[in-house]
């Protein structure tokens, strides 16, 4: 029985996003008389003074996708290593047991209907299937994300964690965001590393994801580490989602750090909108300390 759910973006979509990102880097480099830096490092563009910029665009940014070795060699991102270690080194074991679980749940849905399948408890599934590494991994991951959640409550550590994630620990000086999701003016908005970290570390707080309600899967809470903020109305919104990617043998035991553009701009502009310097004739504005630093 085929597994009919796909979480990863198709290769065509991924390729289109990469090409779009490269075009935006070229556009931004032209605006500041800079040069595009080829490769997968944090710095995308270097200006004439040697400052590095991370250029972001689109509704959701993939800030990084790191494997075990990169996480293991990190200073602050290393707290995510136990999340990777929740999964067996041998991917074939994981995927074999994943197939067993989902095939069983799909047969159950077909026989009893989706509503009854939603009421089937995890304990009942475990009793029927017995030892299963897919299930074990999910439960181990929930414990690991809870530890990450508690560590990120420390705002000083949270700032260092975000610095390594977004700026590779002081390597990059500026964040340049092409606004296609907030004001939707396609203008580049530039923020200094210091402003970004000060605002995010003071406004964000950690959380973990709730269990899904997909009857064809084994649903467990705490599969993602979240960073959230409170809107003006008091609603909690996710701005960062950190998850483990296990899509294939190639993309297995990888940490994916996603960030939402509209929410990032909401927080940054709420604090820095009054301190703005627009460049005449260009879709380019500097906010906060960014203009002083260049």
Protein backbone atom coordinates (compact mmCIF):
# COMPACT_ATOMS: atom_id res chain seq x y z
CA UNK A 1 0.00 0.00 0.00
CA UNK A 2 1.55 3.34 -1.01
CA UNK A 3 2.16 6.08 1.51
CA UNK A 4 0.11 8.95 0.14
CA UNK A 5 1.35 11.94 2.09
CA UNK A 6 4.28 14.12 1.06
CA UNK A 7 5.68 16.74 3.44
CA UNK A 8 8.66 17.98 1.47
CA UNK A 9 8.37 20.48 -1.34
CA UNK A 10 8.83 19.02 -4.82
CA UNK A 11 12.22 19.42 -6.48
CA UNK A 12 10.63 21.77 -9.03
CA UNK A 13 9.27 24.07 -6.31
CA UNK A 14 12.57 23.98 -4.42
CA UNK A 15 14.46 24.84 -7.60
CA UNK A 16 12.14 27.76 -8.36
CA UNK A 17 12.60 29.13 -4.83
CA UNK A 18 16.38 28.91 -5.14
CA UNK A 19 16.34 30.72 -8.48
CA UNK A 20 14.07 33.40 -7.04
CA UNK A 21 16.42 33.80 -4.10
CA UNK A 22 19.42 34.21 -6.42
CA UNK A 23 17.57 36.89 -8.42
CA UNK A 24 16.81 38.81 -5.24
CA UNK A 25 20.43 38.61 -4.14
CA UNK A 26 21.51 39.99 -7.52
CA UNK A 27 18.93 42.79 -7.25
CA UNK A 28 20.01 43.76 -3.74
CA UNK A 29 23.71 43.63 -4.65
CA UNK A 30 22.98 46.07 -7.49
CA UNK A 31 21.22 48.47 -5.12
CA UNK A 32 24.20 48.72 -2.74
CA UNK A 33 27.00 48.31 -5.32
CA UNK A 34 27.88 45.00 -3.69
CA UNK A 35 28.74 41.52 -4.89
CA UNK A 36 26.87 38.27 -4.49
CA UNK A 37 28.71 35.57 -2.57
CA UNK A 38 28.17 32.18 -4.14
CA UNK A 39 27.58 29.14 -1.94
CA UNK A 40 25.50 28.15 1.08
CA UNK A 41 27.09 30.37 3.75
CA UNK A 42 25.05 32.88 5.79
CA UNK A 43 26.40 35.94 3.98
CA UNK A 44 24.67 36.37 0.62
CA UNK A 45 25.97 39.80 -0.41
CA UNK A 46 29.09 41.79 0.49
CA UNK A 47 29.07 45.60 0.29
CA UNK A 48 32.03 47.82 -0.75
CA UNK A 49 33.10 48.15 2.91
CA UNK A 50 33.22 44.40 3.42
CA UNK A 51 30.03 44.07 5.48
CA UNK A 52 27.99 40.91 4.89
CA UNK A 53 24.23 40.80 4.39
CA UNK A 54 21.81 37.90 4.70
CA UNK A 55 19.14 38.46 2.03
CA UNK A 56 15.66 37.01 2.62
CA UNK A 57 12.47 37.03 0.57
CA UNK A 58 9.17 35.19 0.26
CA UNK A 59 6.55 34.28 2.85
CA UNK A 60 8.67 31.69 4.65
CA UNK A 61 12.44 31.52 4.89
CA UNK A 62 14.46 28.36 5.31
CA UNK A 63 17.09 29.92 7.55
CA UNK A 64 19.09 26.72 7.59
CA UNK A 65 18.99 23.00 6.89
CA UNK A 66 21.82 21.37 8.86
CA UNK A 67 22.89 17.78 9.20
CA UNK A 68 24.25 16.01 12.26
CA UNK A 69 27.88 17.06 11.82
CA UNK A 70 27.06 20.76 11.48
CA UNK A 71 24.84 20.71 14.57
CA UNK A 72 27.40 18.69 16.52
CA UNK A 73 30.11 21.27 15.73
CA UNK A 74 27.92 24.26 16.65
CA UNK A 75 28.16 26.17 19.89
CA UNK A 76 24.55 27.11 20.63
CA UNK A 77 22.65 25.18 17.97
CA UNK A 78 24.15 22.05 19.52
CA UNK A 79 21.17 21.93 21.90
CA UNK A 80 19.29 20.49 18.90
CA UNK A 81 21.58 17.45 18.67
CA UNK A 82 19.41 15.26 20.96
CA UNK A 83 16.52 15.92 18.56
CA UNK A 84 18.55 14.27 15.80
CA UNK A 85 19.71 11.49 18.09
CA UNK A 86 16.06 10.60 18.71
CA UNK A 87 16.15 8.84 15.32
CA UNK A 88 18.13 5.68 14.50
CA UNK A 89 21.34 6.12 12.51
CA UNK A 90 20.12 3.50 10.05
CA UNK A 91 17.42 5.27 8.03
CA UNK A 92 16.15 1.97 6.57
CA UNK A 93 14.92 0.90 10.01
CA UNK A 94 13.05 4.18 10.47
CA UNK A 95 11.41 4.13 7.04
CA UNK A 96 10.47 0.44 7.29
CA UNK A 97 8.71 1.00 10.60
CA UNK A 98 7.16 4.25 9.39
CA UNK A 99 5.61 2.35 6.51
CA UNK A 100 4.27 -0.29 8.93
CA UNK A 101 2.55 2.36 11.05
CA UNK A 102 1.02 4.35 8.22
CA UNK A 103 -0.13 1.27 6.29
CA UNK A 104 -1.82 0.00 9.46
CA UNK A 105 -3.50 3.37 10.07
CA UNK A 106 -4.63 3.65 6.44
CA UNK A 107 -6.18 0.19 6.58
CA UNK A 108 -7.93 1.15 9.81
CA UNK A 109 -9.31 4.32 8.21
CA UNK A 110 -10.53 2.39 5.20
CA UNK A 111 -12.27 -0.19 7.39
CA UNK A 112 -13.66 2.00 10.19
CA UNK A 113 -13.74 5.55 8.80
CA UNK A 114 -11.70 8.66 9.64
CA UNK A 115 -13.67 9.74 12.70
CA UNK A 116 -13.27 6.42 14.48
CA UNK A 117 -9.61 6.29 13.44
CA UNK A 118 -9.04 9.66 15.13
CA UNK A 119 -10.21 8.10 18.41
CA UNK A 120 -7.76 5.22 18.17
CA UNK A 121 -5.23 5.89 20.94
CA UNK A 122 -1.48 5.71 20.54
CA UNK A 123 -1.36 3.05 23.26
CA UNK A 124 -3.75 0.88 21.26
CA UNK A 125 -1.55 1.23 18.18
CA UNK A 126 1.56 0.28 20.19
CA UNK A 127 -0.19 -2.75 21.64
CA UNK A 128 -1.13 -3.94 18.16
CA UNK A 129 2.15 -3.23 16.35
CA UNK A 130 4.65 -3.88 19.14
CA UNK A 131 8.19 -2.53 18.98
CA UNK A 132 8.49 0.15 16.31
CA UNK A 133 11.36 2.60 15.76
CA UNK A 134 9.15 5.17 14.06
CA UNK A 135 6.98 5.39 17.17
CA UNK A 136 9.98 5.27 19.51
CA UNK A 137 11.65 8.10 17.60
CA UNK A 138 8.59 10.32 17.86
CA UNK A 139 8.39 9.80 21.61
CA UNK A 140 12.14 10.44 22.05
CA UNK A 141 11.86 13.61 19.95
CA UNK A 142 9.06 14.93 22.18
CA UNK A 143 11.35 14.59 25.22
CA UNK A 144 14.24 16.26 23.36
CA UNK A 145 12.18 19.25 22.21
CA UNK A 146 10.96 19.76 25.77
CA UNK A 147 14.58 20.17 26.88
CA UNK A 148 15.25 22.62 24.03
CA UNK A 149 12.12 24.54 25.04
CA UNK A 150 13.39 24.94 28.60
CA UNK A 151 16.86 26.08 27.47
CA UNK A 152 15.39 28.73 25.15
CA UNK A 153 13.48 30.31 28.03
CA UNK A 154 16.77 31.98 28.99
CA UNK A 155 16.71 35.21 26.96
CA UNK A 156 20.49 35.58 26.96
CA UNK A 157 20.90 32.07 25.56
CA UNK A 158 18.03 32.68 23.12
CA UNK A 159 19.91 35.69 21.74
CA UNK A 160 23.08 33.65 21.22
CA UNK A 161 21.05 30.85 19.65
CA UNK A 162 19.42 33.27 17.18
CA UNK A 163 22.77 34.91 16.47
CA UNK A 164 24.26 31.59 15.38
CA UNK A 165 21.12 30.64 13.42
CA UNK A 166 20.65 33.95 11.58
CA UNK A 167 24.11 35.56 11.48
CA UNK A 168 26.52 32.66 12.05
CA UNK A 169 27.62 34.23 15.35
CA UNK A 170 28.62 37.76 14.28
CA UNK A 171 29.86 36.78 10.81
CA UNK A 172 26.98 38.60 9.10
CA UNK A 173 26.23 42.23 9.99
CA UNK A 174 22.86 42.91 8.36
CA UNK A 175 19.53 41.29 7.53
CA UNK A 176 18.00 42.54 4.25
CA UNK A 177 14.37 41.54 3.70
CA UNK A 178 12.56 41.97 0.39
CA UNK A 179 9.05 42.86 1.51
CA UNK A 180 6.61 40.67 -0.39
CA UNK A 181 4.46 39.74 2.59
CA UNK A 182 4.00 42.72 4.97
CA UNK A 183 3.72 46.03 3.06
CA UNK A 184 4.14 44.07 -0.16
CA UNK A 185 6.04 46.93 -1.78
CA UNK A 186 8.92 44.72 -3.01
CA UNK A 187 11.34 47.09 -1.28
CA UNK A 188 14.41 45.86 0.57
CA UNK A 189 14.35 46.70 4.27
CA UNK A 190 17.73 46.51 6.02
CA UNK A 191 18.24 45.87 9.73
CA UNK A 192 21.40 45.60 11.80
CA UNK A 193 22.32 42.36 13.48
CA UNK A 194 22.17 44.07 16.89
CA UNK A 195 18.66 45.44 16.36
CA UNK A 196 17.35 42.12 15.07
CA UNK A 197 18.76 40.14 17.98
CA UNK A 198 17.70 42.64 20.64
CA UNK A 199 14.13 42.79 19.35
CA UNK A 200 13.67 39.06 18.72
CA UNK A 201 15.25 37.94 21.99
CA UNK A 202 13.01 40.34 23.95
CA UNK A 203 9.78 39.57 22.07
CA UNK A 204 9.99 35.82 21.40
CA UNK A 205 9.30 32.93 23.72
CA UNK A 206 9.60 29.16 23.12
CA UNK A 207 6.84 26.60 22.78
CA UNK A 208 6.44 23.11 21.36
CA UNK A 209 3.94 21.89 18.79
CA UNK A 210 0.69 20.17 19.67
CA UNK A 211 -0.13 16.69 18.41
CA UNK A 212 -1.62 16.57 14.93
CA UNK A 213 -4.97 15.00 14.15
CA UNK A 214 -4.14 13.06 11.00
CA UNK A 215 -5.82 9.65 11.34
CA UNK A 216 -3.34 8.04 8.90
CA UNK A 217 -0.35 8.86 11.10
CA UNK A 218 0.92 8.34 14.65
CA UNK A 219 0.33 11.76 16.22
CA UNK A 220 2.58 12.94 19.04
CA UNK A 221 2.98 16.42 20.52
CA UNK A 222 6.35 18.14 20.70
CA UNK A 223 7.57 17.25 17.22
CA UNK A 224 8.60 20.86 16.55
CA UNK A 225 10.29 23.54 18.63
CA UNK A 226 8.55 26.87 18.14
CA UNK A 227 9.44 30.50 18.80
CA UNK A 228 6.36 32.67 19.23
CA UNK A 229 5.28 36.22 19.95
CA UNK A 230 2.12 37.93 21.16
CA UNK A 231 0.23 40.10 18.67
CA UNK A 232 -1.36 43.39 19.73
CA UNK A 233 -4.63 41.52 20.24
CA UNK A 234 -2.88 39.06 22.56
CA UNK A 235 -2.91 36.13 20.12
CA UNK A 236 0.09 33.81 20.14
CA UNK A 237 1.73 33.42 16.72
CA UNK A 238 4.59 31.26 15.53
CA UNK A 239 7.46 33.08 13.89
CA UNK A 240 10.01 30.22 13.95
CA UNK A 241 9.45 26.50 13.47
CA UNK A 242 12.34 24.09 14.03
CA UNK A 243 11.73 20.55 12.85
CA UNK A 244 13.62 17.38 12.01
CA UNK A 245 13.57 16.52 8.33
CA UNK A 246 13.31 12.82 7.55
CA UNK A 247 11.99 12.85 4.00
CA UNK A 248 14.36 10.36 2.37
CA UNK A 249 17.70 8.60 2.73
CA UNK A 250 19.32 11.79 1.41
CA UNK A 251 17.40 14.13 3.71
CA UNK A 252 17.50 12.23 6.99
CA UNK A 253 18.35 13.47 10.50
CA UNK A 254 18.52 17.10 9.38
CA UNK A 255 17.37 20.16 11.31
CA UNK A 256 15.27 22.65 9.37
CA UNK A 257 14.83 26.17 10.80
CA UNK A 258 11.95 28.03 9.14
CA UNK A 259 10.96 31.65 9.80
CA UNK A 260 7.92 33.63 8.66
CA UNK A 261 8.67 36.88 6.85
CA UNK A 262 5.49 38.80 7.69
CA UNK A 263 5.88 38.13 11.41
CA UNK A 264 9.57 39.06 11.39
CA UNK A 265 8.79 42.36 9.65
CA UNK A 266 5.89 43.00 12.02
CA UNK A 267 8.16 42.84 15.06
CA UNK A 268 11.07 44.72 13.52
CA UNK A 269 9.05 47.55 12.00
CA UNK A 270 6.89 48.00 15.10
CA UNK A 271 10.08 48.90 16.96
CA UNK A 272 12.09 50.64 14.24
CA UNK A 273 9.59 52.24 11.82
CA UNK A 274 10.20 55.74 13.24
CA UNK A 275 13.95 55.41 12.71
CA UNK A 276 14.00 54.97 8.96
CA UNK A 277 16.27 56.21 6.16
CA UNK A 278 15.02 55.67 2.60
CA UNK A 279 17.38 55.87 -0.36
CA UNK A 280 16.01 58.18 -3.04
CA UNK A 281 15.12 56.49 -6.32
CA UNK A 282 15.69 53.01 -4.95
CA UNK A 283 13.47 50.41 -3.33
CA UNK A 284 15.79 50.40 -0.35
CA UNK A 285 15.37 51.57 3.25
CA UNK A 286 17.55 51.28 6.35
CA UNK A 287 16.08 50.99 9.82
CA UNK A 288 17.45 51.57 13.31
CA UNK A 289 21.20 51.32 13.65
CA UNK A 290 21.76 49.88 10.17
CA UNK A 291 22.28 53.21 8.39
CA UNK A 292 24.76 54.44 11.03
CA UNK A 293 26.86 51.32 10.66
CA UNK A 294 27.41 51.66 6.92
